Amino acid sequence: MRYGEANRIQVELVFCALGVGFLLGLVYAALMILRRFLRHSVVAVAAEDVLFCLVSSILTFIFLLDYNSGTVRLYLLLSQFVGFLSVRAAAAEFIAKSRKKACKNTDG
């Protein structure tokens, strides 16, 4: 394998890891929005978080096994984390804006 080809494969892996993180972020954003509009007990929130952690760890394991022969690389985990945080930040901003609108509507 030539040097340039190895770099291309690693860059593709980084983008795939960003995609997996983005997908996990979308799932967590859906959970955040669901929690915003429907009241949950502490036990339900804990169960959702545990289930999300299990699903995300299994998805990460399958991704690393399928695309990187099971080799854990820090740059892939960090790429996945960046993808997750990008969606998480956008979802948190959306929820904060919807909260402000709801507060304005109830005050007037």
N, C-alpha and C. Protein backbone atom coordinates (compact mmCIF):
# COMPACT_ATOMS: atom_id res chain seq x y z
N MET A 1 0.85 -1.17 0.00
CA MET A 1 0.00 0.00 0.00
C MET A 1 0.90 1.24 0.00
N ARG A 2 0.59 2.17 -0.85
CA ARG A 2 1.37 3.39 -0.94
C ARG A 2 0.98 4.34 0.19
N TYR A 3 1.87 5.26 0.47
CA TYR A 3 1.68 6.20 1.57
C TYR A 3 0.43 7.06 1.38
N GLY A 4 0.20 7.56 0.18
CA GLY A 4 -0.96 8.40 -0.07
C GLY A 4 -2.27 7.66 0.11
N GLU A 5 -2.28 6.40 -0.24
CA GLU A 5 -3.50 5.60 -0.09
C GLU A 5 -3.82 5.36 1.39
N ALA A 6 -2.80 5.14 2.20
CA ALA A 6 -3.02 4.95 3.63
C ALA A 6 -3.61 6.22 4.25
N ASN A 7 -3.11 7.37 3.84
CA ASN A 7 -3.65 8.63 4.35
C ASN A 7 -5.10 8.82 3.92
N ARG A 8 -5.42 8.47 2.68
CA ARG A 8 -6.78 8.61 2.19
C ARG A 8 -7.73 7.74 3.01
N ILE A 9 -7.31 6.53 3.33
CA ILE A 9 -8.14 5.62 4.12
C ILE A 9 -8.37 6.20 5.52
N GLN A 10 -7.33 6.77 6.13
CA GLN A 10 -7.49 7.36 7.46
C GLN A 10 -8.42 8.56 7.44
N VAL A 11 -8.33 9.37 6.41
CA VAL A 11 -9.23 10.53 6.30
C VAL A 11 -10.67 10.05 6.12
N GLU A 12 -10.87 9.02 5.33
CA GLU A 12 -12.22 8.45 5.17
C GLU A 12 -12.74 7.92 6.50
N LEU A 13 -11.87 7.29 7.27
CA LEU A 13 -12.28 6.78 8.58
C LEU A 13 -12.68 7.91 9.52
N VAL A 14 -11.96 9.03 9.46
CA VAL A 14 -12.30 10.18 10.29
C VAL A 14 -13.69 10.69 9.92
N PHE A 15 -13.97 10.81 8.63
CA PHE A 15 -15.29 11.28 8.21
C PHE A 15 -16.40 10.29 8.57
N CYS A 16 -16.10 9.00 8.48
CA CYS A 16 -17.09 8.00 8.91
C CYS A 16 -17.34 8.09 10.41
N ALA A 17 -16.28 8.31 11.18
CA ALA A 17 -16.43 8.46 12.63
C ALA A 17 -17.24 9.71 12.97
N LEU A 18 -17.00 10.79 12.22
CA LEU A 18 -17.82 12.00 12.40
C LEU A 18 -19.29 11.69 12.12
N GLY A 19 -19.54 10.89 11.09
CA GLY A 19 -20.91 10.51 10.76
C GLY A 19 -21.56 9.67 11.83
N VAL A 20 -20.82 8.74 12.40
CA VAL A 20 -21.36 7.92 13.49
C VAL A 20 -21.67 8.81 14.70
N GLY A 21 -20.76 9.72 15.01
CA GLY A 21 -21.01 10.65 16.11
C GLY A 21 -22.21 11.54 15.85
N PHE A 22 -22.35 11.99 14.61
CA PHE A 22 -23.49 12.81 14.22
C PHE A 22 -24.79 12.02 14.40
N LEU A 23 -24.78 10.76 13.99
CA LEU A 23 -25.96 9.90 14.15
C LEU A 23 -26.31 9.72 15.63
N LEU A 24 -25.31 9.46 16.45
CA LEU A 24 -25.55 9.32 17.88
C LEU A 24 -26.05 10.64 18.47
N GLY A 25 -25.52 11.75 17.97
CA GLY A 25 -25.99 13.05 18.43
C GLY A 25 -27.45 13.28 18.09
N LEU A 26 -27.87 12.83 16.92
CA LEU A 26 -29.28 12.97 16.53
C LEU A 26 -30.18 12.15 17.47
N VAL A 27 -29.74 10.96 17.80
CA VAL A 27 -30.53 10.12 18.72
C VAL A 27 -30.63 10.79 20.09
N TYR A 28 -29.51 11.32 20.57
CA TYR A 28 -29.53 11.99 21.88
C TYR A 28 -30.34 13.28 21.82
N ALA A 29 -30.28 14.00 20.71
CA ALA A 29 -31.08 15.21 20.56
C ALA A 29 -32.57 14.87 20.61
N ALA A 30 -32.94 13.76 20.00
CA ALA A 30 -34.34 13.33 20.06
C ALA A 30 -34.73 13.04 21.51
N LEU A 31 -33.83 12.42 22.26
CA LEU A 31 -34.11 12.17 23.68
C LEU A 31 -34.25 13.48 24.45
N MET A 32 -33.40 14.45 24.14
CA MET A 32 -33.47 15.75 24.82
C MET A 32 -34.80 16.45 24.52
N ILE A 33 -35.21 16.41 23.28
CA ILE A 33 -36.47 17.05 22.89
C ILE A 33 -37.65 16.32 23.52
N LEU A 34 -37.57 15.00 23.55
CA LEU A 34 -38.62 14.21 24.20
C LEU A 34 -38.72 14.56 25.68
N ARG A 35 -37.58 14.71 26.33
CA ARG A 35 -37.58 15.07 27.74
C ARG A 35 -38.08 16.49 27.97
N ARG A 36 -37.89 17.34 26.99
CA ARG A 36 -38.34 18.73 27.13
C ARG A 36 -39.85 18.82 27.10
N PHE A 37 -40.48 18.03 26.24
CA PHE A 37 -41.93 18.14 26.07
C PHE A 37 -42.74 17.16 26.89
N LEU A 38 -42.13 16.08 27.33
CA LEU A 38 -42.82 15.11 28.18
C LEU A 38 -42.06 14.95 29.49
N ARG A 39 -42.75 15.04 30.58
CA ARG A 39 -42.11 14.87 31.88
C ARG A 39 -41.68 13.42 32.06
N HIS A 40 -40.47 13.25 32.58
CA HIS A 40 -39.94 11.92 32.87
C HIS A 40 -39.57 11.84 34.34
N SER A 41 -39.72 10.66 34.89
CA SER A 41 -39.24 10.45 36.25
C SER A 41 -37.72 10.27 36.21
N VAL A 42 -37.11 10.35 37.36
CA VAL A 42 -35.66 10.19 37.45
C VAL A 42 -35.25 8.80 36.98
N VAL A 43 -36.05 7.82 37.29
CA VAL A 43 -35.75 6.43 36.88
C VAL A 43 -35.83 6.30 35.36
N ALA A 44 -36.82 6.93 34.75
CA ALA A 44 -36.95 6.86 33.29
C ALA A 44 -35.79 7.55 32.60
N VAL A 45 -35.35 8.69 33.13
CA VAL A 45 -34.21 9.39 32.55
C VAL A 45 -32.95 8.54 32.68
N ALA A 46 -32.75 7.94 33.83
CA ALA A 46 -31.58 7.08 34.04
C ALA A 46 -31.62 5.87 33.11
N ALA A 47 -32.80 5.28 32.94
CA ALA A 47 -32.92 4.13 32.04
C ALA A 47 -32.65 4.53 30.59
N GLU A 48 -33.15 5.69 30.18
CA GLU A 48 -32.88 6.18 28.82
C GLU A 48 -31.39 6.42 28.62
N ASP A 49 -30.73 7.01 29.61
CA ASP A 49 -29.30 7.28 29.50
C ASP A 49 -28.48 6.00 29.44
N VAL A 50 -28.84 5.02 30.25
CA VAL A 50 -28.13 3.73 30.22
C VAL A 50 -28.34 3.05 28.88
N LEU A 51 -29.56 3.07 28.39
CA LEU A 51 -29.85 2.46 27.09
C LEU A 51 -29.10 3.18 25.97
N PHE A 52 -29.04 4.52 26.03
CA PHE A 52 -28.30 5.27 25.03
C PHE A 52 -26.81 4.91 25.08
N CYS A 53 -26.25 4.80 26.27
CA CYS A 53 -24.84 4.43 26.40
C CYS A 53 -24.57 3.04 25.85
N LEU A 54 -25.46 2.11 26.12
CA LEU A 54 -25.31 0.75 25.57
C LEU A 54 -25.36 0.75 24.05
N VAL A 55 -26.35 1.45 23.49
CA VAL A 55 -26.49 1.51 22.04
C VAL A 55 -25.29 2.19 21.41
N SER A 56 -24.83 3.29 22.00
CA SER A 56 -23.70 4.00 21.42
C SER A 56 -22.41 3.19 21.53
N SER A 57 -22.22 2.46 22.61
CA SER A 57 -21.01 1.64 22.72
C SER A 57 -21.05 0.47 21.75
N ILE A 58 -22.20 -0.12 21.55
CA ILE A 58 -22.32 -1.22 20.58
C ILE A 58 -22.11 -0.69 19.16
N LEU A 59 -22.68 0.47 18.86
CA LEU A 59 -22.49 1.06 17.53
C LEU A 59 -21.03 1.43 17.29
N THR A 60 -20.37 1.97 18.30
CA THR A 60 -18.95 2.30 18.18
C THR A 60 -18.12 1.04 17.99
N PHE A 61 -18.43 -0.01 18.73
CA PHE A 61 -17.72 -1.27 18.58
C PHE A 61 -17.88 -1.84 17.18
N ILE A 62 -19.11 -1.83 16.69
CA ILE A 62 -19.36 -2.36 15.34
C ILE A 62 -18.64 -1.51 14.29
N PHE A 63 -18.66 -0.20 14.47
CA PHE A 63 -17.96 0.69 13.53
C PHE A 63 -16.47 0.38 13.52
N LEU A 64 -15.86 0.29 14.70
CA LEU A 64 -14.43 0.02 14.76
C LEU A 64 -14.10 -1.37 14.24
N LEU A 65 -14.96 -2.32 14.50
CA LEU A 65 -14.73 -3.69 14.03
C LEU A 65 -14.84 -3.77 12.52
N ASP A 66 -15.84 -3.10 11.98
CA ASP A 66 -16.09 -3.19 10.55
C ASP A 66 -15.10 -2.36 9.72
N TYR A 67 -14.86 -1.14 10.14
CA TYR A 67 -14.06 -0.23 9.32
C TYR A 67 -12.57 -0.23 9.65
N ASN A 68 -12.20 -0.59 10.90
CA ASN A 68 -10.81 -0.49 11.30
C ASN A 68 -10.29 -1.80 11.89
N SER A 69 -10.90 -2.89 11.53
CA SER A 69 -10.48 -4.23 11.98
C SER A 69 -10.43 -4.34 13.50
N GLY A 70 -11.28 -3.60 14.18
CA GLY A 70 -11.35 -3.67 15.63
C GLY A 70 -10.29 -2.89 16.36
N THR A 71 -9.44 -2.17 15.65
CA THR A 71 -8.38 -1.40 16.28
C THR A 71 -8.95 -0.07 16.78
N VAL A 72 -8.77 0.18 18.06
CA VAL A 72 -9.25 1.43 18.65
C VAL A 72 -8.18 2.49 18.46
N ARG A 73 -8.56 3.57 17.82
CA ARG A 73 -7.65 4.70 17.60
C ARG A 73 -8.27 5.93 18.24
N LEU A 74 -7.44 6.69 18.94
CA LEU A 74 -7.93 7.86 19.65
C LEU A 74 -8.53 8.89 18.69
N TYR A 75 -7.91 9.07 17.53
CA TYR A 75 -8.43 10.08 16.60
C TYR A 75 -9.82 9.69 16.08
N LEU A 76 -10.13 8.41 16.01
CA LEU A 76 -11.47 8.00 15.59
C LEU A 76 -12.49 8.27 16.70
N LEU A 77 -12.11 7.98 17.93
CA LEU A 77 -13.01 8.24 19.04
C LEU A 77 -13.24 9.74 19.21
N LEU A 78 -12.18 10.54 19.05
CA LEU A 78 -12.33 11.98 19.14
C LEU A 78 -13.17 12.54 18.00
N SER A 79 -13.02 11.99 16.81
CA SER A 79 -13.85 12.41 15.67
C SER A 79 -15.31 12.10 15.93
N GLN A 80 -15.56 10.93 16.47
CA GLN A 80 -16.93 10.56 16.80
C GLN A 80 -17.49 11.49 17.87
N PHE A 81 -16.68 11.84 18.84
CA PHE A 81 -17.10 12.74 19.90
C PHE A 81 -17.40 14.14 19.36
N VAL A 82 -16.59 14.63 18.43
CA VAL A 82 -16.82 15.94 17.82
C VAL A 82 -18.13 15.93 17.03
N GLY A 83 -18.40 14.85 16.29
CA GLY A 83 -19.66 14.73 15.57
C GLY A 83 -20.85 14.75 16.51
N PHE A 84 -20.71 14.06 17.63
CA PHE A 84 -21.77 14.03 18.64
C PHE A 84 -21.99 15.42 19.23
N LEU A 85 -20.89 16.10 19.60
CA LEU A 85 -21.01 17.41 20.23
C LEU A 85 -21.59 18.46 19.30
N SER A 86 -21.32 18.34 18.01
CA SER A 86 -21.86 19.33 17.08
C SER A 86 -23.39 19.29 17.06
N VAL A 87 -23.95 18.11 17.06
CA VAL A 87 -25.41 17.99 17.10
C VAL A 87 -25.94 18.35 18.47
N ARG A 88 -25.24 17.94 19.51
CA ARG A 88 -25.67 18.20 20.88
C ARG A 88 -25.75 19.70 21.15
N ALA A 89 -24.77 20.45 20.68
CA ALA A 89 -24.77 21.90 20.89
C ALA A 89 -25.93 22.56 20.15
N ALA A 90 -26.17 22.12 18.93
CA ALA A 90 -27.27 22.69 18.15
C ALA A 90 -28.61 22.36 18.79
N ALA A 91 -28.76 21.14 19.28
CA ALA A 91 -30.02 20.74 19.92
C ALA A 91 -30.23 21.50 21.22
N ALA A 92 -29.17 21.70 21.99
CA ALA A 92 -29.30 22.45 23.24
C ALA A 92 -29.70 23.89 22.97
N GLU A 93 -29.15 24.48 21.91
CA GLU A 93 -29.51 25.85 21.55
C GLU A 93 -30.98 25.92 21.12
N PHE A 94 -31.43 24.93 20.35
CA PHE A 94 -32.82 24.88 19.91
C PHE A 94 -33.76 24.76 21.11
N ILE A 95 -33.41 23.92 22.05
CA ILE A 95 -34.26 23.71 23.22
C ILE A 95 -34.28 24.97 24.08
N ALA A 96 -33.15 25.64 24.22
CA ALA A 96 -33.10 26.87 25.00
C ALA A 96 -33.97 27.95 24.36
N LYS A 97 -33.93 28.05 23.03
CA LYS A 97 -34.76 29.05 22.34
C LYS A 97 -36.24 28.72 22.49
N SER A 98 -36.59 27.44 22.42
CA SER A 98 -37.99 27.07 22.57
C SER A 98 -38.47 27.32 24.00
N ARG A 99 -37.57 27.18 24.96
CA ARG A 99 -37.92 27.47 26.35
C ARG A 99 -38.19 28.96 26.54
N LYS A 100 -37.36 29.80 25.92
CA LYS A 100 -37.55 31.24 26.04
C LYS A 100 -38.87 31.67 25.41
N LYS A 101 -39.21 31.06 24.25
CA LYS A 101 -40.48 31.38 23.60
C LYS A 101 -41.65 30.95 24.48
N ALA A 102 -41.53 29.77 25.07
CA ALA A 102 -42.61 29.29 25.94
C ALA A 102 -42.78 30.19 27.14
N CYS A 103 -41.67 30.68 27.70
CA CYS A 103 -41.75 31.58 28.85
C CYS A 103 -42.38 32.91 28.47
N LYS A 104 -42.04 33.43 27.30
CA LYS A 104 -42.61 34.69 26.83
C LYS A 104 -44.11 34.55 26.60
N ASN A 105 -44.53 33.41 26.06
CA ASN A 105 -45.95 33.18 25.79
C ASN A 105 -46.76 33.06 27.06
N THR A 106 -46.19 32.52 28.11
CA THR A 106 -46.95 32.35 29.35
C THR A 106 -46.94 33.62 30.19
N ASP A 107 -45.93 34.49 30.00
CA ASP A 107 -45.86 35.73 30.78
C ASP A 107 -46.89 36.75 30.33
N GLY A 108 -47.12 36.84 29.02
CA GLY A 108 -47.98 37.88 28.47
C GLY A 108 -49.40 37.52 28.51
